PDB file of all heavy atoms in Angstrom:
ATOM      1  N   GLY A   1      90.891-135.066 -68.284  1.00  0.00           N
ATOM      2  CA  GLY A   1      92.031-134.239 -67.883  1.00  0.00           C
ATOM      3  C   GLY A   1      93.371-134.896 -67.800  1.00  0.00           C
ATOM      4  O   GLY A   1      94.289-134.384 -67.148  1.00  0.00           O
ATOM      5  N   ASP A   2      93.528-136.045 -68.522  1.00  0.00           N
ATOM      6  CA  ASP A   2      94.776-136.753 -68.394  1.00  0.00           C
ATOM      7  C   ASP A   2      95.587-136.723 -69.723  1.00  0.00           C
ATOM      8  O   ASP A   2      96.599-137.467 -69.855  1.00  0.00           O
ATOM      9  CB  ASP A   2      94.571-138.225 -68.027  1.00  0.00           C
ATOM     10  CG  ASP A   2      93.568-138.960 -68.896  1.00  0.00           C
ATOM     11  OD1 ASP A   2      93.150-138.326 -69.873  1.00  0.00           O
ATOM     12  OD2 ASP A   2      93.236-140.078 -68.527  1.00  0.00           O
ATOM     13  N   GLU A   3      95.195-135.898 -70.663  1.00  0.00           N
ATOM     14  CA  GLU A   3      95.931-135.729 -71.920  1.00  0.00           C
ATOM     15  C   GLU A   3      96.156-134.240 -72.217  1.00  0.00           C
ATOM     16  O   GLU A   3      95.230-133.403 -71.986  1.00  0.00           O
ATOM     17  CB  GLU A   3      95.222-136.341 -73.111  1.00  0.00           C
ATOM     18  CG  GLU A   3      95.182-137.864 -73.179  1.00  0.00           C
ATOM     19  CD  GLU A   3      94.607-138.320 -74.503  1.00  0.00           C
ATOM     20  OE1 GLU A   3      94.883-137.728 -75.536  1.00  0.00           O
ATOM     21  OE2 GLU A   3      93.871-139.331 -74.421  1.00  0.00           O
ATOM     22  N   GLN A   4      97.286-133.871 -72.725  1.00  0.00           N
ATOM     23  CA  GLN A   4      97.505-132.512 -73.131  1.00  0.00           C
ATOM     24  C   GLN A   4      96.923-132.365 -74.499  1.00  0.00           C
ATOM     25  O   GLN A   4      97.249-133.051 -75.466  1.00  0.00           O
ATOM     26  CB  GLN A   4      99.010-132.189 -73.222  1.00  0.00           C
ATOM     27  CG  GLN A   4      99.253-130.713 -73.657  1.00  0.00           C
ATOM     28  CD  GLN A   4     100.742-130.305 -73.583  1.00  0.00           C
ATOM     29  OE1 GLN A   4     101.565-131.088 -73.161  1.00  0.00           O
ATOM     30  NE2 GLN A   4     101.077-129.125 -74.043  1.00  0.00           N
ATOM     31  N   MET A   5      95.952-131.441 -74.664  1.00  0.00           N
ATOM     32  CA  MET A   5      95.182-131.353 -75.889  1.00  0.00           C
ATOM     33  C   MET A   5      95.734-130.304 -76.831  1.00  0.00           C
ATOM     34  O   MET A   5      95.507-130.442 -78.117  1.00  0.00           O
ATOM     35  CB  MET A   5      93.720-131.082 -75.553  1.00  0.00           C
ATOM     36  CG  MET A   5      93.057-132.124 -74.704  1.00  0.00           C
ATOM     37  SD  MET A   5      91.323-131.798 -74.359  1.00  0.00           S
ATOM     38  CE  MET A   5      90.598-131.986 -75.954  1.00  0.00           C
ATOM     39  N   ILE A   6      96.471-129.327 -76.343  1.00  0.00           N
ATOM     40  CA  ILE A   6      97.062-128.329 -77.238  1.00  0.00           C
ATOM     41  C   ILE A   6      98.559-128.264 -76.951  1.00  0.00           C
ATOM     42  O   ILE A   6      99.017-128.018 -75.919  1.00  0.00           O
ATOM     43  CB  ILE A   6      96.443-126.942 -76.989  1.00  0.00           C
ATOM     44  CG1 ILE A   6      94.939-127.000 -77.206  1.00  0.00           C
ATOM     45  CG2 ILE A   6      97.072-125.882 -77.830  1.00  0.00           C
ATOM     46  CD1 ILE A   6      94.179-125.712 -76.879  1.00  0.00           C
ATOM     47  N   SER A   7      99.298-128.565 -78.016  1.00  0.00           N
ATOM     48  CA  SER A   7     100.718-128.700 -77.890  1.00  0.00           C
ATOM     49  C   SER A   7     101.426-127.385 -77.517  1.00  0.00           C
ATOM     50  O   SER A   7     100.929-126.282 -77.946  1.00  0.00           O
ATOM     51  CB  SER A   7     101.381-129.155 -79.160  1.00  0.00           C
ATOM     52  OG  SER A   7     102.750-129.115 -79.166  1.00  0.00           O
ATOM     53  N   ASP A   8     102.456-127.460 -76.735  1.00  0.00           N
ATOM     54  CA  ASP A   8     103.211-126.253 -76.353  1.00  0.00           C
ATOM     55  C   ASP A   8     103.886-125.605 -77.521  1.00  0.00           C
ATOM     56  O   ASP A   8     104.253-124.400 -77.464  1.00  0.00           O
ATOM     57  CB  ASP A   8     104.296-126.587 -75.291  1.00  0.00           C
ATOM     58  CG  ASP A   8     103.677-127.071 -73.965  1.00  0.00           C
ATOM     59  OD1 ASP A   8     102.547-126.641 -73.657  1.00  0.00           O
ATOM     60  OD2 ASP A   8     104.361-127.813 -73.230  1.00  0.00           O
ATOM     61  N   SER A   9     104.044-126.359 -78.615  1.00  0.00           N
ATOM     62  CA  SER A   9     104.729-125.826 -79.794  1.00  0.00           C
ATOM     63  C   SER A   9     103.813-125.053 -80.730  1.00  0.00           C
ATOM     64  O   SER A   9     104.269-124.564 -81.744  1.00  0.00           O
ATOM     65  CB  SER A   9     105.439-126.932 -80.570  1.00  0.00           C
ATOM     66  OG  SER A   9     104.501-127.863 -81.030  1.00  0.00           O
ATOM     67  N   VAL A  10     102.510-124.974 -80.388  1.00  0.00           N
ATOM     68  CA  VAL A  10     101.548-124.229 -81.315  1.00  0.00           C
ATOM     69  C   VAL A  10     101.919-122.768 -81.295  1.00  0.00           C
ATOM     70  O   VAL A  10     102.161-122.129 -80.233  1.00  0.00           O
ATOM     71  CB  VAL A  10     100.136-124.379 -80.799  1.00  0.00           C
ATOM     72  CG1 VAL A  10      99.174-123.435 -81.578  1.00  0.00           C
ATOM     73  CG2 VAL A  10      99.689-125.827 -80.977  1.00  0.00           C
ATOM     74  N   GLU A  11     102.039-122.159 -82.475  1.00  0.00           N
ATOM     75  CA  GLU A  11     102.306-120.719 -82.625  1.00  0.00           C
ATOM     76  C   GLU A  11     100.989-120.015 -82.916  1.00  0.00           C
ATOM     77  O   GLU A  11     100.438-120.172 -83.963  1.00  0.00           O
ATOM     78  CB  GLU A  11     103.302-120.517 -83.809  1.00  0.00           C
ATOM     79  CG  GLU A  11     103.704-119.059 -83.914  1.00  0.00           C
ATOM     80  CD  GLU A  11     104.768-118.817 -84.992  1.00  0.00           C
ATOM     81  OE1 GLU A  11     105.279-119.819 -85.541  1.00  0.00           O
ATOM     82  OE2 GLU A  11     105.070-117.637 -85.299  1.00  0.00           O
ATOM     83  N   ASN A  12     100.541-119.266 -81.934  1.00  0.00           N
ATOM     84  CA  ASN A  12      99.244-118.580 -82.026  1.00  0.00           C
ATOM     85  C   ASN A  12      99.510-117.097 -82.345  1.00  0.00           C
ATOM     86  O   ASN A  12      99.992-116.365 -81.495  1.00  0.00           O
ATOM     87  CB  ASN A  12      98.551-118.754 -80.695  1.00  0.00           C
ATOM     88  CG  ASN A  12      97.123-118.136 -80.745  1.00  0.00           C
ATOM     89  OD1 ASN A  12      96.828-117.244 -81.494  1.00  0.00           O
ATOM     90  ND2 ASN A  12      96.173-118.774 -79.980  1.00  0.00           N
ATOM     91  N   ILE A  13      99.146-116.677 -83.543  1.00  0.00           N
ATOM     92  CA  ILE A  13      99.286-115.292 -83.999  1.00  0.00           C
ATOM     93  C   ILE A  13      97.912-114.715 -84.175  1.00  0.00           C
ATOM     94  O   ILE A  13      97.197-114.996 -85.118  1.00  0.00           O
ATOM     95  CB  ILE A  13     100.074-115.249 -85.310  1.00  0.00           C
ATOM     96  CG1 ILE A  13     101.434-115.922 -85.152  1.00  0.00           C
ATOM     97  CG2 ILE A  13     100.288-113.759 -85.736  1.00  0.00           C
ATOM     98  CD1 ILE A  13     102.202-116.080 -86.460  1.00  0.00           C
ATOM     99  N   ASN A  14      97.462-113.913 -83.206  1.00  0.00           N
ATOM    100  CA  ASN A  14      96.155-113.243 -83.312  1.00  0.00           C
ATOM    101  C   ASN A  14      95.061-114.184 -83.632  1.00  0.00           C
ATOM    102  O   ASN A  14      94.199-113.946 -84.494  1.00  0.00           O
ATOM    103  CB  ASN A  14      96.214-112.171 -84.400  1.00  0.00           C
ATOM    104  CG  ASN A  14      95.074-111.153 -84.316  1.00  0.00           C
ATOM    105  OD1 ASN A  14      94.575-110.906 -83.196  1.00  0.00           O
ATOM    106  ND2 ASN A  14      94.625-110.715 -85.481  1.00  0.00           N
ATOM    107  N   SER A  15      95.036-115.331 -82.917  1.00  0.00           N
ATOM    108  CA  SER A  15      93.988-116.369 -83.186  1.00  0.00           C
ATOM    109  C   SER A  15      93.331-116.744 -81.874  1.00  0.00           C
ATOM    110  O   SER A  15      93.807-116.508 -80.762  1.00  0.00           O
ATOM    111  CB  SER A  15      94.636-117.628 -83.798  1.00  0.00           C
ATOM    112  OG  SER A  15      95.204-117.291 -85.111  1.00  0.00           O
ATOM    113  N   VAL A  16      92.092-117.353 -82.075  1.00  0.00           N
ATOM    114  CA  VAL A  16      91.344-117.743 -80.910  1.00  0.00           C
ATOM    115  C   VAL A  16      91.081-119.263 -81.004  1.00  0.00           C
ATOM    116  O   VAL A  16      90.765-119.779 -82.068  1.00  0.00           O
ATOM    117  CB  VAL A  16      89.922-116.992 -80.966  1.00  0.00           C
ATOM    118  CG1 VAL A  16      89.034-117.508 -79.819  1.00  0.00           C
ATOM    119  CG2 VAL A  16      90.137-115.506 -80.847  1.00  0.00           C
ATOM    120  N   ILE A  17      91.239-119.924 -79.861  1.00  0.00           N
ATOM    121  CA  ILE A  17      90.950-121.363 -79.721  1.00  0.00           C
ATOM    122  C   ILE A  17      89.785-121.552 -78.797  1.00  0.00           C
ATOM    123  O   ILE A  17      89.860-121.154 -77.634  1.00  0.00           O
ATOM    124  CB  ILE A  17      92.188-122.149 -79.214  1.00  0.00           C
ATOM    125  CG1 ILE A  17      93.362-121.952 -80.174  1.00  0.00           C
ATOM    126  CG2 ILE A  17      91.836-123.646 -79.049  1.00  0.00           C
ATOM    127  CD1 ILE A  17      94.685-122.534 -79.633  1.00  0.00           C
ATOM    128  N   ILE A  18      88.686-122.101 -79.319  1.00  0.00           N
ATOM    129  CA  ILE A  18      87.503-122.333 -78.534  1.00  0.00           C
ATOM    130  C   ILE A  18      87.449-123.851 -78.193  1.00  0.00           C
ATOM    131  O   ILE A  18      87.256-124.708 -79.072  1.00  0.00           O
ATOM    132  CB  ILE A  18      86.253-121.911 -79.316  1.00  0.00           C
ATOM    133  CG1 ILE A  18      86.342-120.476 -79.738  1.00  0.00           C
ATOM    134  CG2 ILE A  18      84.964-122.142 -78.457  1.00  0.00           C
ATOM    135  CD1 ILE A  18      85.239-120.063 -80.725  1.00  0.00           C
ATOM    136  N   GLU A  19      87.693-124.187 -76.947  1.00  0.00           N
ATOM    137  CA  GLU A  19      87.775-125.616 -76.541  1.00  0.00           C
ATOM    138  C   GLU A  19      86.363-126.256 -76.590  1.00  0.00           C
ATOM    139  O   GLU A  19      85.330-125.601 -76.508  1.00  0.00           O
ATOM    140  CB  GLU A  19      88.386-125.684 -75.163  1.00  0.00           C
ATOM    141  CG  GLU A  19      89.795-125.179 -75.137  1.00  0.00           C
ATOM    142  CD  GLU A  19      90.441-125.344 -73.748  1.00  0.00           C
ATOM    143  OE1 GLU A  19      89.745-125.746 -72.784  1.00  0.00           O
ATOM    144  OE2 GLU A  19      91.646-125.102 -73.644  1.00  0.00           O
ATOM    145  N   PRO A  20      86.382-127.636 -76.720  1.00  0.00           N
ATOM    146  CA  PRO A  20      87.522-128.475 -76.711  1.00  0.00           C
ATOM    147  C   PRO A  20      88.155-128.622 -78.123  1.00  0.00           C
ATOM    148  O   PRO A  20      87.399-128.707 -79.100  1.00  0.00           O
ATOM    149  CB  PRO A  20      86.970-129.842 -76.280  1.00  0.00           C
ATOM    150  CG  PRO A  20      85.531-129.834 -76.759  1.00  0.00           C
ATOM    151  CD  PRO A  20      85.125-128.393 -76.619  1.00  0.00           C
ATOM    152  N   CYS A  21      89.453-128.685 -78.199  1.00  0.00           N
ATOM    153  CA  CYS A  21      90.197-128.867 -79.389  1.00  0.00           C
ATOM    154  C   CYS A  21      91.424-129.678 -79.094  1.00  0.00           C
ATOM    155  O   CYS A  21      91.963-129.640 -78.008  1.00  0.00           O
ATOM    156  CB  CYS A  21      90.609-127.583 -80.078  1.00  0.00           C
ATOM    157  SG  CYS A  21      89.270-126.548 -80.725  1.00  0.00           S
ATOM    158  N   TYR A  22      91.837-130.458 -80.099  1.00  0.00           N
ATOM    159  CA  TYR A  22      93.171-131.021 -80.082  1.00  0.00           C
ATOM    160  C   TYR A  22      94.008-130.423 -81.172  1.00  0.00           C
ATOM    161  O   TYR A  22      93.593-130.324 -82.361  1.00  0.00           O
ATOM    162  CB  TYR A  22      93.095-132.584 -80.369  1.00  0.00           C
ATOM    163  CG  TYR A  22      94.511-133.164 -80.515  1.00  0.00           C
ATOM    164  CD1 TYR A  22      95.166-133.638 -79.423  1.00  0.00           C
ATOM    165  CD2 TYR A  22      95.135-133.221 -81.716  1.00  0.00           C
ATOM    166  CE1 TYR A  22      96.417-134.169 -79.508  1.00  0.00           C
ATOM    167  CE2 TYR A  22      96.397-133.766 -81.843  1.00  0.00           C
ATOM    168  CZ  TYR A  22      97.029-134.201 -80.748  1.00  0.00           C
ATOM    169  OH  TYR A  22      98.316-134.678 -80.815  1.00  0.00           O
ATOM    170  N   ILE A  23      95.188-129.895 -80.807  1.00  0.00           N
ATOM    171  CA  ILE A  23      96.086-129.214 -81.779  1.00  0.00           C
ATOM    172  C   ILE A  23      97.477-129.793 -81.551  1.00  0.00           C
ATOM    173  O   ILE A  23      98.042-129.773 -80.504  1.00  0.00           O
ATOM    174  CB  ILE A  23      96.083-127.733 -81.618  1.00  0.00           C
ATOM    175  CG1 ILE A  23      94.674-127.146 -81.710  1.00  0.00           C
ATOM    176  CG2 ILE A  23      97.008-127.068 -82.675  1.00  0.00           C
ATOM    177  CD1 ILE A  23      94.596-125.670 -81.506  1.00  0.00           C
ATOM    178  N   GLY A  24      98.051-130.402 -82.656  1.00  0.00           N
ATOM    179  CA  GLY A  24      99.277-131.161 -82.554  1.00  0.00           C
ATOM    180  C   GLY A  24     100.526-130.272 -82.534  1.00  0.00           C
ATOM    181  O   GLY A  24     100.460-129.058 -82.383  1.00  0.00           O
ATOM    182  N   GLU A  25     101.616-130.916 -82.832  1.00  0.00           N
ATOM    183  CA  GLU A  25     102.926-130.230 -82.761  1.00  0.00           C
ATOM    184  C   GLU A  25     103.191-129.346 -83.970  1.00  0.00           C
ATOM    185  O   GLU A  25     102.718-129.627 -85.094  1.00  0.00           O
ATOM    186  CB  GLU A  25     104.038-131.326 -82.728  1.00  0.00           C
ATOM    187  CG  GLU A  25     103.991-132.279 -81.573  1.00  0.00           C
ATOM    188  CD  GLU A  25     104.458-131.613 -80.284  1.00  0.00           C
ATOM    189  OE1 GLU A  25     105.119-130.531 -80.381  1.00  0.00           O
ATOM    190  OE2 GLU A  25     104.115-132.135 -79.181  1.00  0.00           O
ATOM    191  N   ASN A  26     103.840-128.203 -83.725  1.00  0.00           N
ATOM    192  CA  ASN A  26     104.369-127.320 -84.713  1.00  0.00           C
ATOM    193  C   ASN A  26     103.236-126.843 -85.676  1.00  0.00           C
ATOM    194  O   ASN A  26     103.432-126.712 -86.884  1.00  0.00           O
ATOM    195  CB  ASN A  26     105.432-127.962 -85.589  1.00  0.00           C
ATOM    196  CG  ASN A  26     106.575-128.504 -84.711  1.00  0.00           C
ATOM    197  OD1 ASN A  26     107.078-127.753 -83.851  1.00  0.00           O
ATOM    198  ND2 ASN A  26     106.961-129.726 -84.920  1.00  0.00           N
ATOM    199  N   VAL A  27     102.100-126.461 -85.068  1.00  0.00           N
ATOM    200  CA  VAL A  27     100.971-125.891 -85.801  1.00  0.00           C
ATOM    201  C   VAL A  27     101.041-124.346 -85.729  1.00  0.00           C
ATOM    202  O   VAL A  27     101.360-123.825 -84.643  1.00  0.00           O
ATOM    203  CB  VAL A  27      99.630-126.393 -85.257  1.00  0.00           C
ATOM    204  CG1 VAL A  27      98.479-125.625 -85.889  1.00  0.00           C
ATOM    205  CG2 VAL A  27      99.494-127.901 -85.513  1.00  0.00           C
ATOM    206  N   ILE A  28     100.800-123.713 -86.843  1.00  0.00           N
ATOM    207  CA  ILE A  28     100.781-122.245 -86.909  1.00  0.00           C
ATOM    208  C   ILE A  28      99.350-121.798 -87.133  1.00  0.00           C
ATOM    209  O   ILE A  28      98.711-122.184 -88.125  1.00  0.00           O
ATOM    210  CB  ILE A  28     101.718-121.695 -87.971  1.00  0.00           C
ATOM    211  CG1 ILE A  28     103.175-122.091 -87.722  1.00  0.00           C
ATOM    212  CG2 ILE A  28     101.612-120.158 -88.067  1.00  0.00           C
ATOM    213  CD1 ILE A  28     104.126-121.749 -88.852  1.00  0.00           C
ATOM    214  N   LEU A  29      98.877-120.903 -86.229  1.00  0.00           N
ATOM    215  CA  LEU A  29      97.540-120.346 -86.395  1.00  0.00           C
ATOM    216  C   LEU A  29      97.668-118.855 -86.475  1.00  0.00           C
ATOM    217  O   LEU A  29      98.260-118.230 -85.666  1.00  0.00           O
ATOM    218  CB  LEU A  29      96.634-120.720 -85.164  1.00  0.00           C
ATOM    219  CG  LEU A  29      96.538-122.164 -84.809  1.00  0.00           C
ATOM    220  CD1 LEU A  29      95.675-122.310 -83.535  1.00  0.00           C
ATOM    221  CD2 LEU A  29      95.844-122.939 -85.898  1.00  0.00           C
ATOM    222  N   LYS A  30      97.131-118.306 -87.627  1.00  0.00           N
ATOM    223  CA  LYS A  30      97.310-116.870 -87.856  1.00  0.00           C
ATOM    224  C   LYS A  30      95.957-116.263 -88.261  1.00  0.00           C
ATOM    225  O   LYS A  30      95.371-116.691 -89.220  1.00  0.00           O
ATOM    226  CB  LYS A  30      98.365-116.615 -88.964  1.00  0.00           C
ATOM    227  CG  LYS A  30      98.655-115.154 -89.188  1.00  0.00           C
ATOM    228  CD  LYS A  30      99.757-114.968 -90.218  1.00  0.00           C
ATOM    229  CE  LYS A  30     100.102-113.508 -90.457  1.00  0.00           C
ATOM    230  NZ  LYS A  30     101.190-113.347 -91.515  1.00  0.00           N
ATOM    231  N   ASN A  31      95.492-115.275 -87.484  1.00  0.00           N
ATOM    232  CA  ASN A  31      94.230-114.576 -87.790  1.00  0.00           C
ATOM    233  C   ASN A  31      93.097-115.578 -87.990  1.00  0.00           C
ATOM    234  O   ASN A  31      92.365-115.490 -88.951  1.00  0.00           O
ATOM    235  CB  ASN A  31      94.384-113.689 -89.050  1.00  0.00           C
ATOM    236  CG  ASN A  31      95.492-112.626 -88.833  1.00  0.00           C
ATOM    237  OD1 ASN A  31      95.700-112.150 -87.754  1.00  0.00           O
ATOM    238  ND2 ASN A  31      96.218-112.401 -89.942  1.00  0.00           N
ATOM    239  N   THR A  32      93.039-116.501 -87.056  1.00  0.00           N
ATOM    240  CA  THR A  32      92.102-117.676 -87.259  1.00  0.00           C
ATOM    241  C   THR A  32      91.340-117.969 -85.950  1.00  0.00           C
ATOM    242  O   THR A  32      91.827-117.727 -84.854  1.00  0.00           O
ATOM    243  CB  THR A  32      92.938-118.864 -87.679  1.00  0.00           C
ATOM    244  OG1 THR A  32      93.367-118.712 -89.057  1.00  0.00           O
ATOM    245  CG2 THR A  32      92.179-120.185 -87.581  1.00  0.00           C
ATOM    246  N   SER A  33      90.143-118.488 -86.175  1.00  0.00           N
ATOM    247  CA  SER A  33      89.302-119.006 -85.076  1.00  0.00           C
ATOM    248  C   SER A  33      89.203-120.497 -85.210  1.00  0.00           C
ATOM    249  O   SER A  33      88.773-121.018 -86.263  1.00  0.00           O
ATOM    250  CB  SER A  33      87.930-118.349 -85.073  1.00  0.00           C
ATOM    251  OG  SER A  33      87.126-118.938 -84.071  1.00  0.00           O
ATOM    252  N   ILE A  34      89.601-121.225 -84.154  1.00  0.00           N
ATOM    253  CA  ILE A  34      89.594-122.679 -84.142  1.00  0.00           C
ATOM    254  C   ILE A  34      88.625-123.162 -83.050  1.00  0.00           C
ATOM    255  O   ILE A  34      88.792-122.776 -81.898  1.00  0.00           O
ATOM    256  CB  ILE A  34      90.967-123.257 -83.931  1.00  0.00           C
ATOM    257  CG1 ILE A  34      91.943-122.819 -85.032  1.00  0.00           C
ATOM    258  CG2 ILE A  34      90.897-124.821 -83.832  1.00  0.00           C
ATOM    259  CD1 ILE A  34      91.649-123.419 -86.391  1.00  0.00           C
ATOM    260  N   GLY A  35      87.692-124.019 -83.380  1.00  0.00           N
ATOM    261  CA  GLY A  35      86.783-124.656 -82.424  1.00  0.00           C
ATOM    262  C   GLY A  35      85.447-124.026 -82.411  1.00  0.00           C
ATOM    263  O   GLY A  35      85.169-123.050 -83.019  1.00  0.00           O
ATOM    264  N   PRO A  36      84.539-124.771 -81.647  1.00  0.00           N
ATOM    265  CA  PRO A  36      84.896-125.921 -80.825  1.00  0.00           C
ATOM    266  C   PRO A  36      84.959-127.214 -81.663  1.00  0.00           C
ATOM    267  O   PRO A  36      84.600-127.229 -82.865  1.00  0.00           O
ATOM    268  CB  PRO A  36      83.710-125.988 -79.845  1.00  0.00           C
ATOM    269  CG  PRO A  36      82.562-125.369 -80.628  1.00  0.00           C
ATOM    270  CD  PRO A  36      83.158-124.345 -81.497  1.00  0.00           C
ATOM    271  N   ASN A  37      85.357-128.292 -81.045  1.00  0.00           N
ATOM    272  CA  ASN A  37      85.331-129.633 -81.631  1.00  0.00           C
ATOM    273  C   ASN A  37      86.151-129.769 -82.844  1.00  0.00           C
ATOM    274  O   ASN A  37      85.694-130.251 -83.920  1.00  0.00           O
ATOM    275  CB  ASN A  37      83.865-130.083 -81.857  1.00  0.00           C
ATOM    276  CG  ASN A  37      82.970-129.961 -80.641  1.00  0.00           C
ATOM    277  OD1 ASN A  37      83.406-130.349 -79.566  1.00  0.00           O
ATOM    278  ND2 ASN A  37      81.789-129.472 -80.798  1.00  0.00           N
ATOM    279  N   VAL A  38      87.406-129.330 -82.806  1.00  0.00           N
ATOM    280  CA  VAL A  38      88.305-129.402 -83.915  1.00  0.00           C
ATOM    281  C   VAL A  38      89.604-130.167 -83.532  1.00  0.00           C
ATOM    282  O   VAL A  38      90.136-129.974 -82.400  1.00  0.00           O
ATOM    283  CB  VAL A  38      88.716-127.977 -84.440  1.00  0.00           C
ATOM    284  CG1 VAL A  38      89.787-128.068 -85.495  1.00  0.00           C
ATOM    285  CG2 VAL A  38      87.487-127.286 -84.953  1.00  0.00           C
ATOM    286  N   SER A  39      89.993-131.106 -84.369  1.00  0.00           N
ATOM    287  CA  SER A  39      91.309-131.800 -84.167  1.00  0.00           C
ATOM    288  C   SER A  39      92.204-131.439 -85.357  1.00  0.00           C
ATOM    289  O   SER A  39      91.752-131.489 -86.502  1.00  0.00           O
ATOM    290  CB  SER A  39      91.105-133.285 -84.170  1.00  0.00           C
ATOM    291  OG  SER A  39      90.441-133.704 -82.980  1.00  0.00           O
ATOM    292  N   ILE A  40      93.389-131.017 -85.049  1.00  0.00           N
ATOM    293  CA  ILE A  40      94.387-130.586 -86.046  1.00  0.00           C
ATOM    294  C   ILE A  40      95.665-131.373 -85.777  1.00  0.00           C
ATOM    295  O   ILE A  40      96.200-131.420 -84.673  1.00  0.00           O
ATOM    296  CB  ILE A  40      94.677-129.078 -85.967  1.00  0.00           C
ATOM    297  CG1 ILE A  40      93.382-128.258 -86.159  1.00  0.00           C
ATOM    298  CG2 ILE A  40      95.743-128.681 -87.014  1.00  0.00           C
ATOM    299  CD1 ILE A  40      93.568-126.790 -85.934  1.00  0.00           C
ATOM    300  N   GLY A  41      96.159-132.026 -86.842  1.00  0.00           N
ATOM    301  CA  GLY A  41      97.402-132.826 -86.695  1.00  0.00           C
ATOM    302  C   GLY A  41      98.651-132.003 -86.700  1.00  0.00           C
ATOM    303  O   GLY A  41      98.642-130.785 -86.645  1.00  0.00           O
ATOM    304  N   ASN A  42      99.799-132.608 -86.759  1.00  0.00           N
ATOM    305  CA  ASN A  42     101.070-131.983 -86.727  1.00  0.00           C
ATOM    306  C   ASN A  42     101.436-131.159 -87.980  1.00  0.00           C
ATOM    307  O   ASN A  42     100.969-131.538 -89.032  1.00  0.00           O
ATOM    308  CB  ASN A  42     102.175-133.026 -86.451  1.00  0.00           C
ATOM    309  CG  ASN A  42     101.992-133.749 -85.147  1.00  0.00           C
ATOM    310  OD1 ASN A  42     101.449-133.262 -84.213  1.00  0.00           O
ATOM    311  ND2 ASN A  42     102.460-134.990 -85.132  1.00  0.00           N
TER     312      ASN A  42
END
C-alpha cells in the first residue's frame, strides 16, 4: 500500500480495471478489460 499503482492521468473510457494492475502515465483505455496482473507503461 505504499505505491500508487494506477496513475491519475489514465483516461478510462467504458473500461474495467481488475486489480492488481500497474498503469502508467497518460494511458488511454477504451472499451477494454484490464487485469488482473497487468502492467502497462506510459
